[in-house]
Amino acid sequence: MAEKSIEEKVKDIIVEQLGVNPEQVTPQA
């Protein structure tokens, strides 16, 4: 659960920084 929440936070940051869609953001990116 903790890993998923952290992953979601990182995704949100990436989306805000790059301005990309969450669907385009992958754990590998």
N, C-alpha and C. Protein backbone atom coordinates (compact mmCIF):
# COMPACT_ATOMS: atom_id res chain seq x y z
N MET A 1 0.84 -1.20 0.00
CA MET A 1 0.00 0.00 0.00
C MET A 1 0.88 1.26 0.00
N ALA A 2 1.92 1.22 0.82
CA ALA A 2 2.79 2.39 0.92
C ALA A 2 3.47 2.67 -0.41
N GLU A 3 3.93 1.60 -1.07
CA GLU A 3 4.63 1.78 -2.35
C GLU A 3 3.70 2.41 -3.37
N LYS A 4 2.44 1.98 -3.38
CA LYS A 4 1.48 2.51 -4.35
C LYS A 4 1.22 4.00 -4.08
N SER A 5 1.08 4.36 -2.82
CA SER A 5 0.79 5.76 -2.51
C SER A 5 1.97 6.65 -2.91
N ILE A 6 3.18 6.16 -2.65
CA ILE A 6 4.38 6.92 -3.04
C ILE A 6 4.45 7.03 -4.55
N GLU A 7 4.13 5.93 -5.22
CA GLU A 7 4.18 5.93 -6.69
C GLU A 7 3.19 6.93 -7.24
N GLU A 8 2.03 7.01 -6.61
CA GLU A 8 1.00 7.96 -7.07
C GLU A 8 1.47 9.39 -6.86
N LYS A 9 2.14 9.64 -5.73
CA LYS A 9 2.64 10.99 -5.46
C LYS A 9 3.69 11.38 -6.49
N VAL A 10 4.58 10.43 -6.79
CA VAL A 10 5.63 10.69 -7.78
C VAL A 10 5.00 10.98 -9.13
N LYS A 11 3.96 10.20 -9.46
CA LYS A 11 3.26 10.39 -10.73
C LYS A 11 2.67 11.80 -10.79
N ASP A 12 2.06 12.22 -9.70
CA ASP A 12 1.44 13.55 -9.67
C ASP A 12 2.51 14.63 -9.90
N ILE A 13 3.68 14.44 -9.27
CA ILE A 13 4.76 15.42 -9.43
C ILE A 13 5.23 15.45 -10.87
N ILE A 14 5.40 14.27 -11.46
CA ILE A 14 5.86 14.19 -12.85
C ILE A 14 4.86 14.87 -13.77
N VAL A 15 3.58 14.60 -13.54
CA VAL A 15 2.53 15.19 -14.37
C VAL A 15 2.56 16.70 -14.26
N GLU A 16 2.78 17.21 -13.05
CA GLU A 16 2.79 18.66 -12.86
C GLU A 16 4.04 19.28 -13.50
N GLN A 17 5.17 18.59 -13.37
CA GLN A 17 6.42 19.12 -13.90
C GLN A 17 6.46 19.06 -15.42
N LEU A 18 6.09 17.91 -15.99
CA LEU A 18 6.18 17.73 -17.44
C LEU A 18 4.90 18.15 -18.14
N GLY A 19 3.80 18.15 -17.41
CA GLY A 19 2.53 18.52 -18.02
C GLY A 19 2.02 17.43 -18.94
N VAL A 20 2.27 16.17 -18.58
CA VAL A 20 1.80 15.06 -19.40
C VAL A 20 0.59 14.40 -18.76
N ASN A 21 -0.06 13.52 -19.52
CA ASN A 21 -1.23 12.82 -18.99
C ASN A 21 -0.78 11.69 -18.08
N PRO A 22 -1.50 11.44 -16.99
CA PRO A 22 -1.17 10.35 -16.05
C PRO A 22 -1.08 9.01 -16.76
N GLU A 23 -1.85 8.84 -17.83
CA GLU A 23 -1.84 7.57 -18.56
C GLU A 23 -0.51 7.36 -19.25
N GLN A 24 0.15 8.46 -19.61
CA GLN A 24 1.43 8.34 -20.31
C GLN A 24 2.57 8.07 -19.33
N VAL A 25 2.34 8.35 -18.05
CA VAL A 25 3.39 8.14 -17.05
C VAL A 25 3.38 6.69 -16.58
N THR A 26 4.54 6.03 -16.71
CA THR A 26 4.63 4.63 -16.30
C THR A 26 5.71 4.48 -15.23
N PRO A 27 5.63 3.44 -14.42
CA PRO A 27 6.63 3.19 -13.36
C PRO A 27 8.04 3.12 -13.93
N GLN A 28 8.17 2.70 -15.18
CA GLN A 28 9.49 2.57 -15.80
C GLN A 28 10.04 3.93 -16.19
N ALA A 29 9.15 4.86 -16.47
CA ALA A 29 9.60 6.19 -16.90
C ALA A 29 10.29 6.92 -15.75
